[in-house]
Amino acid sequence: AQALAASFKANNVNMVSGGTDNHLILLDLRGTGVTGKELEHRLDAVNI
């Protein structure tokens, strides 16, 4: 999770808490033009 969070941070992907101290990460999608619902569907389409 920390490796994933560090990669998100390096790629300017916003995380709600700025990182993680457990196995979960919450991404803040505001300003990206995509909602959580839409990204969930997109990720399903690519097997994530």
All heavy atoms as atom14 arrays in JSON, in Angstrom:
{
  "sequence": "AQALAASFKANNVNMVSGGTDNHLILLDLRGTGVTGKELEHRLDAVNI",
  "atom14_mask": [
    [1, 1, 1, 1, 1, 0, 0, 0, 0, 0, 0, 0, 0, 0],
    [1, 1, 1, 1, 1, 1, 1, 1, 1, 0, 0, 0, 0, 0],
    [1, 1, 1, 1, 1, 0, 0, 0, 0, 0, 0, 0, 0, 0],
    [1, 1, 1, 1, 1, 1, 1, 1, 0, 0, 0, 0, 0, 0],
    [1, 1, 1, 1, 1, 0, 0, 0, 0, 0, 0, 0, 0, 0],
    [1, 1, 1, 1, 1, 0, 0, 0, 0, 0, 0, 0, 0, 0],
    [1, 1, 1, 1, 1, 1, 0, 0, 0, 0, 0, 0, 0, 0],
    [1, 1, 1, 1, 1, 1, 1, 1, 1, 1, 1, 0, 0, 0],
    [1, 1, 1, 1, 1, 1, 1, 1, 1, 0, 0, 0, 0, 0],
    [1, 1, 1, 1, 1, 0, 0, 0, 0, 0, 0, 0, 0, 0],
    [1, 1, 1, 1, 1, 1, 1, 1, 0, 0, 0, 0, 0, 0],
    [1, 1, 1, 1, 1, 1, 1, 1, 0, 0, 0, 0, 0, 0],
    [1, 1, 1, 1, 1, 1, 1, 0, 0, 0, 0, 0, 0, 0],
    [1, 1, 1, 1, 1, 1, 1, 1, 0, 0, 0, 0, 0, 0],
    [1, 1, 1, 1, 1, 1, 1, 1, 0, 0, 0, 0, 0, 0],
    [1, 1, 1, 1, 1, 1, 1, 0, 0, 0, 0, 0, 0, 0],
    [1, 1, 1, 1, 1, 1, 0, 0, 0, 0, 0, 0, 0, 0],
    [1, 1, 1, 1, 0, 0, 0, 0, 0, 0, 0, 0, 0, 0],
    [1, 1, 1, 1, 0, 0, 0, 0, 0, 0, 0, 0, 0, 0],
    [1, 1, 1, 1, 1, 1, 1, 0, 0, 0, 0, 0, 0, 0],
    [1, 1, 1, 1, 1, 1, 1, 1, 0, 0, 0, 0, 0, 0],
    [1, 1, 1, 1, 1, 1, 1, 1, 0, 0, 0, 0, 0, 0],
    [1, 1, 1, 1, 1, 1, 1, 1, 1, 1, 0, 0, 0, 0],
    [1, 1, 1, 1, 1, 1, 1, 1, 0, 0, 0, 0, 0, 0],
    [1, 1, 1, 1, 1, 1, 1, 1, 0, 0, 0, 0, 0, 0],
    [1, 1, 1, 1, 1, 1, 1, 1, 0, 0, 0, 0, 0, 0],
    [1, 1, 1, 1, 1, 1, 1, 1, 0, 0, 0, 0, 0, 0],
    [1, 1, 1, 1, 1, 1, 1, 1, 0, 0, 0, 0, 0, 0],
    [1, 1, 1, 1, 1, 1, 1, 1, 0, 0, 0, 0, 0, 0],
    [1, 1, 1, 1, 1, 1, 1, 1, 1, 1, 1, 0, 0, 0],
    [1, 1, 1, 1, 0, 0, 0, 0, 0, 0, 0, 0, 0, 0],
    [1, 1, 1, 1, 1, 1, 1, 0, 0, 0, 0, 0, 0, 0],
    [1, 1, 1, 1, 0, 0, 0, 0, 0, 0, 0, 0, 0, 0],
    [1, 1, 1, 1, 1, 1, 1, 0, 0, 0, 0, 0, 0, 0],
    [1, 1, 1, 1, 1, 1, 1, 0, 0, 0, 0, 0, 0, 0],
    [1, 1, 1, 1, 0, 0, 0, 0, 0, 0, 0, 0, 0, 0],
    [1, 1, 1, 1, 1, 1, 1, 1, 1, 0, 0, 0, 0, 0],
    [1, 1, 1, 1, 1, 1, 1, 1, 1, 0, 0, 0, 0, 0],
    [1, 1, 1, 1, 1, 1, 1, 1, 0, 0, 0, 0, 0, 0],
    [1, 1, 1, 1, 1, 1, 1, 1, 1, 0, 0, 0, 0, 0],
    [1, 1, 1, 1, 1, 1, 1, 1, 1, 1, 0, 0, 0, 0],
    [1, 1, 1, 1, 1, 1, 1, 1, 1, 1, 1, 0, 0, 0],
    [1, 1, 1, 1, 1, 1, 1, 1, 0, 0, 0, 0, 0, 0],
    [1, 1, 1, 1, 1, 1, 1, 1, 0, 0, 0, 0, 0, 0],
    [1, 1, 1, 1, 1, 0, 0, 0, 0, 0, 0, 0, 0, 0],
    [1, 1, 1, 1, 1, 1, 1, 0, 0, 0, 0, 0, 0, 0],
    [1, 1, 1, 1, 1, 1, 1, 1, 0, 0, 0, 0, 0, 0],
    [1, 1, 1, 1, 1, 1, 1, 1, 0, 0, 0, 0, 0, 0]
  ],
  "atom14_positions": [
    [[0.83, -1.2, 0.0], [0.0, 0.0, 0.0], [0.87, 1.25, 0.0], [0.57, 2.23, -0.69], [-0.94, 0.0, 1.2], [0.0, 0.0, 0.0], [0.0, 0.0, 0.0], [0.0, 0.0, 0.0], [0.0, 0.0, 0.0], [0.0, 0.0, 0.0], [0.0, 0.0, 0.0], [0.0, 0.0, 0.0], [0.0, 0.0, 0.0], [0.0, 0.0, 0.0]],
    [[1.95, 1.23, 0.75], [2.84, 2.39, 0.78], [3.54, 2.59, -0.56], [3.72, 3.73, -1.0], [3.83, 2.26, 1.93], [3.14, 2.45, 3.28], [4.03, 2.18, 4.47], [5.04, 1.5, 4.37], [3.63, 2.71, 5.61], [0.0, 0.0, 0.0], [0.0, 0.0, 0.0], [0.0, 0.0, 0.0], [0.0, 0.0, 0.0], [0.0, 0.0, 0.0]],
    [[3.9, 1.52, -1.24], [4.49, 1.63, -2.57], [3.47, 2.19, -3.56], [3.8, 3.06, -4.38], [5.0, 0.26, -3.05], [0.0, 0.0, 0.0], [0.0, 0.0, 0.0], [0.0, 0.0, 0.0], [0.0, 0.0, 0.0], [0.0, 0.0, 0.0], [0.0, 0.0, 0.0], [0.0, 0.0, 0.0], [0.0, 0.0, 0.0], [0.0, 0.0, 0.0]],
    [[2.24, 1.74, -3.46], [1.17, 2.23, -4.32], [0.93, 3.72, -4.05], [0.87, 4.53, -4.98], [-0.1, 1.42, -4.07], [-1.29, 1.65, -4.98], [-0.96, 1.28, -6.42], [-2.48, 0.81, -4.5], [0.0, 0.0, 0.0], [0.0, 0.0, 0.0], [0.0, 0.0, 0.0], [0.0, 0.0, 0.0], [0.0, 0.0, 0.0], [0.0, 0.0, 0.0]],
    [[0.85, 4.09, -2.79], [0.63, 5.49, -2.42], [1.78, 6.38, -2.88], [1.57, 7.48, -3.4], [0.44, 5.62, -0.91], [0.0, 0.0, 0.0], [0.0, 0.0, 0.0], [0.0, 0.0, 0.0], [0.0, 0.0, 0.0], [0.0, 0.0, 0.0], [0.0, 0.0, 0.0], [0.0, 0.0, 0.0], [0.0, 0.0, 0.0], [0.0, 0.0, 0.0]],
    [[3.01, 5.91, -2.73], [4.17, 6.69, -3.17], [4.13, 6.92, -4.68], [4.48, 8.0, -5.16], [5.46, 5.99, -2.76], [0.0, 0.0, 0.0], [0.0, 0.0, 0.0], [0.0, 0.0, 0.0], [0.0, 0.0, 0.0], [0.0, 0.0, 0.0], [0.0, 0.0, 0.0], [0.0, 0.0, 0.0], [0.0, 0.0, 0.0], [0.0, 0.0, 0.0]],
    [[3.7, 5.9, -5.41], [3.6, 6.03, -6.86], [2.49, 7.01, -7.25], [2.66, 7.82, -8.16], [3.36, 4.67, -7.51], [3.38, 4.78, -8.91], [0.0, 0.0, 0.0], [0.0, 0.0, 0.0], [0.0, 0.0, 0.0], [0.0, 0.0, 0.0], [0.0, 0.0, 0.0], [0.0, 0.0, 0.0], [0.0, 0.0, 0.0], [0.0, 0.0, 0.0]],
    [[1.36, 6.94, -6.55], [0.3, 7.92, -6.81], [0.81, 9.33, -6.54], [0.61, 10.24, -7.34], [-0.93, 7.66, -5.94], [-1.79, 6.52, -6.41], [-2.27, 5.59, -5.51], [-2.15, 6.39, -7.75], [-3.07, 4.55, -5.92], [-2.95, 5.34, -8.17], [-3.42, 4.42, -7.25], [0.0, 0.0, 0.0], [0.0, 0.0, 0.0], [0.0, 0.0, 0.0]],
    [[1.49, 9.5, -5.44], [2.02, 10.83, -5.08], [3.0, 11.33, -6.13], [2.95, 12.49, -6.54], [2.67, 10.77, -3.7], [3.02, 12.12, -3.13], [3.46, 12.0, -1.68], [3.53, 13.37, -1.06], [3.72, 13.31, 0.37], [0.0, 0.0, 0.0], [0.0, 0.0, 0.0], [0.0, 0.0, 0.0], [0.0, 0.0, 0.0], [0.0, 0.0, 0.0]],
    [[3.89, 10.46, -6.58], [4.89, 10.83, -7.59], [4.23, 11.22, -8.91], [4.8, 12.0, -9.68], [5.87, 9.69, -7.8], [0.0, 0.0, 0.0], [0.0, 0.0, 0.0], [0.0, 0.0, 0.0], [0.0, 0.0, 0.0], [0.0, 0.0, 0.0], [0.0, 0.0, 0.0], [0.0, 0.0, 0.0], [0.0, 0.0, 0.0], [0.0, 0.0, 0.0]],
    [[3.04, 10.66, -9.16], [2.32, 10.93, -10.41], [1.21, 11.96, -10.22], [0.3, 12.05, -11.05], [1.76, 9.62, -10.97], [2.86, 8.78, -11.57], [3.41, 9.12, -12.6], [3.19, 7.68, -10.9], [0.0, 0.0, 0.0], [0.0, 0.0, 0.0], [0.0, 0.0, 0.0], [0.0, 0.0, 0.0], [0.0, 0.0, 0.0], [0.0, 0.0, 0.0]],
    [[1.27, 12.71, -9.12], [0.31, 13.79, -8.85], [-1.14, 13.31, -8.83], [-2.03, 14.02, -9.3], [0.48, 14.94, -9.85], [1.86, 15.54, -9.75], [2.33, 15.84, -8.67], [2.51, 15.72, -10.89], [0.0, 0.0, 0.0], [0.0, 0.0, 0.0], [0.0, 0.0, 0.0], [0.0, 0.0, 0.0], [0.0, 0.0, 0.0], [0.0, 0.0, 0.0]],
    [[-1.36, 12.13, -8.28], [-2.72, 11.63, -8.07], [-3.05, 11.93, -6.61], [-2.32, 11.53, -5.71], [-2.81, 10.11, -8.35], [-4.19, 9.58, -8.01], [-2.45, 9.82, -9.8], [0.0, 0.0, 0.0], [0.0, 0.0, 0.0], [0.0, 0.0, 0.0], [0.0, 0.0, 0.0], [0.0, 0.0, 0.0], [0.0, 0.0, 0.0], [0.0, 0.0, 0.0]],
    [[-4.14, 12.64, -6.38], [-4.5, 13.08, -5.03], [-5.09, 11.97, -4.19], [-6.01, 11.28, -4.62], [-5.5, 14.24, -5.11], [-4.88, 15.48, -5.72], [-3.7, 15.75, -5.54], [-5.68, 16.23, -6.44], [0.0, 0.0, 0.0], [0.0, 0.0, 0.0], [0.0, 0.0, 0.0], [0.0, 0.0, 0.0], [0.0, 0.0, 0.0], [0.0, 0.0, 0.0]],
    [[-4.54, 11.83, -2.99], [-5.07, 10.89, -2.01], [-5.68, 11.71, -0.88], [-5.13, 12.74, -0.5], [-3.96, 9.98, -1.49], [-3.4, 9.05, -2.56], [-1.91, 8.21, -2.03], [-0.7, 9.53, -2.19], [0.0, 0.0, 0.0], [0.0, 0.0, 0.0], [0.0, 0.0, 0.0], [0.0, 0.0, 0.0], [0.0, 0.0, 0.0], [0.0, 0.0, 0.0]],
    [[-6.78, 11.24, -0.33], [-7.48, 11.99, 0.7], [-6.58, 12.34, 1.87], [-6.55, 13.47, 2.33], [-8.75, 11.24, 1.17], [-9.31, 11.85, 2.43], [-9.79, 11.25, 0.05], [0.0, 0.0, 0.0], [0.0, 0.0, 0.0], [0.0, 0.0, 0.0], [0.0, 0.0, 0.0], [0.0, 0.0, 0.0], [0.0, 0.0, 0.0], [0.0, 0.0, 0.0]],
    [[-5.8, 11.4, 2.35], [-4.95, 11.67, 3.52], [-3.51, 11.96, 3.14], [-2.66, 12.08, 4.0], [-4.99, 10.48, 4.47], [-4.42, 9.34, 3.84], [0.0, 0.0, 0.0], [0.0, 0.0, 0.0], [0.0, 0.0, 0.0], [0.0, 0.0, 0.0], [0.0, 0.0, 0.0], [0.0, 0.0, 0.0], [0.0, 0.0, 0.0], [0.0, 0.0, 0.0]],
    [[-3.23, 12.05, 1.84], [-1.87, 12.29, 1.39], [-1.02, 11.03, 1.33], [0.13, 11.07, 0.93], [0.0, 0.0, 0.0], [0.0, 0.0, 0.0], [0.0, 0.0, 0.0], [0.0, 0.0, 0.0], [0.0, 0.0, 0.0], [0.0, 0.0, 0.0], [0.0, 0.0, 0.0], [0.0, 0.0, 0.0], [0.0, 0.0, 0.0], [0.0, 0.0, 0.0]],
    [[-1.58, 9.9, 1.71], [-0.85, 8.63, 1.72], [-1.68, 7.58, 2.42], [-2.9, 7.65, 2.43], [0.0, 0.0, 0.0], [0.0, 0.0, 0.0], [0.0, 0.0, 0.0], [0.0, 0.0, 0.0], [0.0, 0.0, 0.0], [0.0, 0.0, 0.0], [0.0, 0.0, 0.0], [0.0, 0.0, 0.0], [0.0, 0.0, 0.0], [0.0, 0.0, 0.0]],
    [[-1.01, 6.64, 3.07], [-1.72, 5.6, 3.81], [-0.86, 5.06, 4.92], [0.37, 5.08, 4.84], [-2.16, 4.44, 2.89], [-3.0, 3.56, 3.61], [-0.99, 3.68, 2.32], [0.0, 0.0, 0.0], [0.0, 0.0, 0.0], [0.0, 0.0, 0.0], [0.0, 0.0, 0.0], [0.0, 0.0, 0.0], [0.0, 0.0, 0.0], [0.0, 0.0, 0.0]],
    [[-1.49, 4.59, 5.97], [-0.78, 3.86, 7.02], [-1.44, 2.49, 7.24], [-1.19, 1.83, 8.23], [-0.71, 4.66, 8.32], [-2.06, 5.09, 8.84], [-3.08, 4.72, 8.24], [-2.09, 5.81, 9.86], [0.0, 0.0, 0.0], [0.0, 0.0, 0.0], [0.0, 0.0, 0.0], [0.0, 0.0, 0.0], [0.0, 0.0, 0.0], [0.0, 0.0, 0.0]],
    [[-2.28, 2.1, 6.3], [-2.84, 0.75, 6.32], [-2.95, 0.23, 4.89], [-2.27, 0.75, 4.02], [-4.2, 0.73, 7.06], [-5.24, 1.61, 6.42], [-5.34, 1.71, 5.2], [-6.03, 2.27, 7.24], [0.0, 0.0, 0.0], [0.0, 0.0, 0.0], [0.0, 0.0, 0.0], [0.0, 0.0, 0.0], [0.0, 0.0, 0.0], [0.0, 0.0, 0.0]],
    [[-3.77, -0.74, 4.65], [-3.83, -1.38, 3.33], [-4.81, -0.71, 2.37], [-5.0, -1.2, 1.25], [-4.18, -2.86, 3.47], [-5.57, -3.11, 3.98], [-5.91, -2.91, 5.29], [-6.69, -3.5, 3.34], [-7.19, -3.19, 5.44], [-7.69, -3.55, 4.27], [0.0, 0.0, 0.0], [0.0, 0.0, 0.0], [0.0, 0.0, 0.0], [0.0, 0.0, 0.0]],
    [[-5.41, 0.4, 2.77], [-6.39, 1.08, 1.93], [-5.92, 2.46, 1.52], [-5.27, 3.16, 2.3], [-7.72, 1.22, 2.67], [-8.42, -0.08, 3.03], [-9.61, 0.21, 3.94], [-8.87, -0.81, 1.77], [0.0, 0.0, 0.0], [0.0, 0.0, 0.0], [0.0, 0.0, 0.0], [0.0, 0.0, 0.0], [0.0, 0.0, 0.0], [0.0, 0.0, 0.0]],
    [[-6.29, 2.85, 0.3], [-5.98, 4.19, -0.21], [-7.28, 4.75, -0.78], [-7.99, 4.06, -1.52], [-4.9, 4.13, -1.31], [-3.59, 3.6, -0.74], [-4.7, 5.51, -1.95], [-2.55, 3.28, -1.78], [0.0, 0.0, 0.0], [0.0, 0.0, 0.0], [0.0, 0.0, 0.0], [0.0, 0.0, 0.0], [0.0, 0.0, 0.0], [0.0, 0.0, 0.0]],
    [[-7.57, 5.99, -0.44], [-8.74, 6.67, -0.96], [-8.27, 7.8, -1.86], [-7.61, 8.74, -1.41], [-9.6, 7.21, 0.18], [-10.9, 7.92, -0.19], [-11.81, 7.02, -1.02], [-11.62, 8.37, 1.08], [0.0, 0.0, 0.0], [0.0, 0.0, 0.0], [0.0, 0.0, 0.0], [0.0, 0.0, 0.0], [0.0, 0.0, 0.0], [0.0, 0.0, 0.0]],
    [[-8.56, 7.68, -3.16], [-8.17, 8.7, -4.12], [-9.25, 9.77, -4.22], [-10.44, 9.46, -4.25], [-7.94, 8.08, -5.5], [-6.87, 7.01, -5.62], [-6.74, 6.58, -7.08], [-5.55, 7.49, -5.09], [0.0, 0.0, 0.0], [0.0, 0.0, 0.0], [0.0, 0.0, 0.0], [0.0, 0.0, 0.0], [0.0, 0.0, 0.0], [0.0, 0.0, 0.0]],
    [[-8.81, 11.01, -4.29], [-9.7, 12.16, -4.47], [-9.66, 12.53, -5.94], [-8.64, 13.01, -6.44], [-9.21, 13.32, -3.6], [-10.07, 14.56, -3.71], [-10.9, 14.65, -4.63], [-9.87, 15.46, -2.88], [0.0, 0.0, 0.0], [0.0, 0.0, 0.0], [0.0, 0.0, 0.0], [0.0, 0.0, 0.0], [0.0, 0.0, 0.0], [0.0, 0.0, 0.0]],
    [[-10.74, 12.3, -6.65], [-10.79, 12.49, -8.1], [-11.26, 13.88, -8.52], [-11.33, 14.15, -9.73], [-11.7, 11.42, -8.72], [-11.3, 9.97, -8.45], [-12.38, 9.03, -8.95], [-9.96, 9.66, -9.06], [0.0, 0.0, 0.0], [0.0, 0.0, 0.0], [0.0, 0.0, 0.0], [0.0, 0.0, 0.0], [0.0, 0.0, 0.0], [0.0, 0.0, 0.0]],
    [[-11.58, 14.74, -7.56], [-12.04, 16.08, -7.93], [-10.98, 16.75, -8.81], [-9.79, 16.66, -8.55], [-12.3, 16.93, -6.69], [-13.53, 16.49, -5.92], [-13.71, 17.28, -4.67], [-12.53, 17.1, -3.83], [-12.32, 17.72, -2.68], [-13.2, 18.59, -2.23], [-11.24, 17.48, -1.98], [0.0, 0.0, 0.0], [0.0, 0.0, 0.0], [0.0, 0.0, 0.0]],
    [[-11.45, 17.39, -9.86], [-10.54, 18.08, -10.78], [-10.02, 17.22, -11.9], [-9.33, 17.71, -12.79], [0.0, 0.0, 0.0], [0.0, 0.0, 0.0], [0.0, 0.0, 0.0], [0.0, 0.0, 0.0], [0.0, 0.0, 0.0], [0.0, 0.0, 0.0], [0.0, 0.0, 0.0], [0.0, 0.0, 0.0], [0.0, 0.0, 0.0], [0.0, 0.0, 0.0]],
    [[-10.32, 15.92, -11.89], [-9.84, 15.04, -12.95], [-10.83, 14.91, -14.1], [-10.49, 14.4, -15.16], [-9.55, 13.62, -12.42], [-10.79, 13.04, -11.97], [-8.53, 13.63, -11.3], [0.0, 0.0, 0.0], [0.0, 0.0, 0.0], [0.0, 0.0, 0.0], [0.0, 0.0, 0.0], [0.0, 0.0, 0.0], [0.0, 0.0, 0.0], [0.0, 0.0, 0.0]],
    [[-12.09, 15.31, -13.84], [-13.11, 15.15, -14.86], [-13.75, 13.78, -14.86], [-14.55, 13.46, -15.73], [0.0, 0.0, 0.0], [0.0, 0.0, 0.0], [0.0, 0.0, 0.0], [0.0, 0.0, 0.0], [0.0, 0.0, 0.0], [0.0, 0.0, 0.0], [0.0, 0.0, 0.0], [0.0, 0.0, 0.0], [0.0, 0.0, 0.0], [0.0, 0.0, 0.0]],
    [[-13.41, 12.94, -13.88], [-14.0, 11.61, -13.78], [-14.52, 11.42, -12.36], [-13.92, 11.89, -11.4], [-12.98, 10.51, -14.19], [-11.83, 10.41, -13.22], [-13.65, 9.16, -14.35], [0.0, 0.0, 0.0], [0.0, 0.0, 0.0], [0.0, 0.0, 0.0], [0.0, 0.0, 0.0], [0.0, 0.0, 0.0], [0.0, 0.0, 0.0], [0.0, 0.0, 0.0]],
    [[-15.67, 10.76, -12.24], [-16.24, 10.48, -10.94], [-15.77, 9.11, -10.45], [-15.22, 8.31, -11.23], [-17.77, 10.47, -11.0], [-18.19, 9.38, -11.85], [-18.32, 11.8, -11.51], [0.0, 0.0, 0.0], [0.0, 0.0, 0.0], [0.0, 0.0, 0.0], [0.0, 0.0, 0.0], [0.0, 0.0, 0.0], [0.0, 0.0, 0.0], [0.0, 0.0, 0.0]],
    [[-16.04, 8.82, -9.19], [-15.73, 7.5, -8.66], [-16.48, 6.4, -9.38], [-15.94, 5.35, -9.69], [0.0, 0.0, 0.0], [0.0, 0.0, 0.0], [0.0, 0.0, 0.0], [0.0, 0.0, 0.0], [0.0, 0.0, 0.0], [0.0, 0.0, 0.0], [0.0, 0.0, 0.0], [0.0, 0.0, 0.0], [0.0, 0.0, 0.0], [0.0, 0.0, 0.0]],
    [[-17.75, 6.67, -9.66], [-18.57, 5.69, -10.38], [-18.0, 5.39, -11.76], [-17.88, 4.23, -12.15], [-20.0, 6.21, -10.5], [-20.96, 5.27, -11.18], [-22.36, 5.86, -11.23], [-23.33, 4.91, -11.9], [-24.69, 5.47, -11.9], [0.0, 0.0, 0.0], [0.0, 0.0, 0.0], [0.0, 0.0, 0.0], [0.0, 0.0, 0.0], [0.0, 0.0, 0.0]],
    [[-17.61, 6.44, -12.48], [-17.06, 6.25, -13.82], [-15.72, 5.52, -13.77], [-15.47, 4.61, -14.56], [-16.91, 7.59, -14.54], [-16.27, 7.48, -15.92], [-17.06, 6.65, -16.92], [-18.29, 6.53, -16.78], [-16.44, 6.13, -17.86], [0.0, 0.0, 0.0], [0.0, 0.0, 0.0], [0.0, 0.0, 0.0], [0.0, 0.0, 0.0], [0.0, 0.0, 0.0]],
    [[-14.85, 5.9, -12.83], [-13.54, 5.24, -12.75], [-13.7, 3.78, -12.32], [-12.99, 2.91, -12.82], [-12.6, 5.99, -11.81], [-11.17, 5.43, -11.75], [-10.54, 5.33, -13.14], [-10.31, 6.29, -10.84], [0.0, 0.0, 0.0], [0.0, 0.0, 0.0], [0.0, 0.0, 0.0], [0.0, 0.0, 0.0], [0.0, 0.0, 0.0], [0.0, 0.0, 0.0]],
    [[-14.64, 3.5, -11.43], [-14.91, 2.11, -11.06], [-15.26, 1.29, -12.3], [-14.73, 0.19, -12.5], [-16.05, 2.04, -10.04], [-16.41, 0.63, -9.63], [-17.57, 0.57, -8.66], [-17.84, 1.55, -7.94], [-18.23, -0.49, -8.62], [0.0, 0.0, 0.0], [0.0, 0.0, 0.0], [0.0, 0.0, 0.0], [0.0, 0.0, 0.0], [0.0, 0.0, 0.0]],
    [[-16.12, 1.83, -13.17], [-16.5, 1.12, -14.4], [-15.31, 0.98, -15.36], [-15.13, -0.08, -15.97], [-17.66, 1.83, -15.1], [-18.96, 1.73, -14.37], [-19.54, 0.54, -14.0], [-19.79, 2.7, -13.91], [-20.66, 0.76, -13.36], [-20.85, 2.08, -13.29], [0.0, 0.0, 0.0], [0.0, 0.0, 0.0], [0.0, 0.0, 0.0], [0.0, 0.0, 0.0]],
    [[-14.53, 2.03, -15.49], [-13.35, 1.96, -16.36], [-12.37, 0.9, -15.86], [-11.83, 0.12, -16.65], [-12.63, 3.31, -16.41], [-13.37, 4.38, -17.17], [-12.6, 5.67, -17.14], [-13.32, 6.77, -17.77], [-12.8, 7.97, -17.99], [-11.55, 8.22, -17.63], [-13.52, 8.9, -18.57], [0.0, 0.0, 0.0], [0.0, 0.0, 0.0], [0.0, 0.0, 0.0]],
    [[-12.13, 0.87, -14.55], [-11.21, -0.11, -13.99], [-11.75, -1.53, -14.16], [-10.98, -2.45, -14.46], [-10.91, 0.21, -12.52], [-10.1, 1.49, -12.3], [-10.02, 1.82, -10.82], [-8.71, 1.37, -12.91], [0.0, 0.0, 0.0], [0.0, 0.0, 0.0], [0.0, 0.0, 0.0], [0.0, 0.0, 0.0], [0.0, 0.0, 0.0], [0.0, 0.0, 0.0]],
    [[-13.05, -1.71, -13.98], [-13.65, -3.03, -14.24], [-13.36, -3.47, -15.67], [-13.05, -4.63, -15.92], [-15.16, -3.0, -14.02], [-15.57, -3.04, -12.56], [-14.74, -3.37, -11.7], [-16.76, -2.73, -12.29], [0.0, 0.0, 0.0], [0.0, 0.0, 0.0], [0.0, 0.0, 0.0], [0.0, 0.0, 0.0], [0.0, 0.0, 0.0], [0.0, 0.0, 0.0]],
    [[-13.43, -2.54, -16.61], [-13.22, -2.85, -18.03], [-11.79, -3.29, -18.33], [-11.55, -3.95, -19.34], [-13.59, -1.65, -18.9], [0.0, 0.0, 0.0], [0.0, 0.0, 0.0], [0.0, 0.0, 0.0], [0.0, 0.0, 0.0], [0.0, 0.0, 0.0], [0.0, 0.0, 0.0], [0.0, 0.0, 0.0], [0.0, 0.0, 0.0], [0.0, 0.0, 0.0]],
    [[-10.84, -2.92, -17.45], [-9.44, -3.3, -17.67], [-8.96, -4.31, -16.62], [-7.77, -4.52, -16.43], [-8.5, -2.07, -17.73], [-8.83, -1.21, -18.94], [-8.55, -1.26, -16.45], [0.0, 0.0, 0.0], [0.0, 0.0, 0.0], [0.0, 0.0, 0.0], [0.0, 0.0, 0.0], [0.0, 0.0, 0.0], [0.0, 0.0, 0.0], [0.0, 0.0, 0.0]],
    [[-9.93, -4.92, -15.93], [-9.65, -6.02, -14.99], [-8.93, -5.58, -13.71], [-8.15, -6.35, -13.15], [-8.91, -7.16, -15.69], [-9.67, -7.65, -16.89], [-10.87, -7.9, -16.8], [-9.02, -7.74, -18.04], [0.0, 0.0, 0.0], [0.0, 0.0, 0.0], [0.0, 0.0, 0.0], [0.0, 0.0, 0.0], [0.0, 0.0, 0.0], [0.0, 0.0, 0.0]],
    [[-9.21, -4.38, -13.26], [-8.74, -3.9, -11.96], [-9.99, -3.65, -11.12], [-10.91, -2.96, -11.54], [-7.92, -2.6, -12.09], [-6.65, -2.85, -12.88], [-7.59, -2.03, -10.7], [-5.84, -1.58, -13.18], [0.0, 0.0, 0.0], [0.0, 0.0, 0.0], [0.0, 0.0, 0.0], [0.0, 0.0, 0.0], [0.0, 0.0, 0.0], [0.0, 0.0, 0.0]]
  ]
}
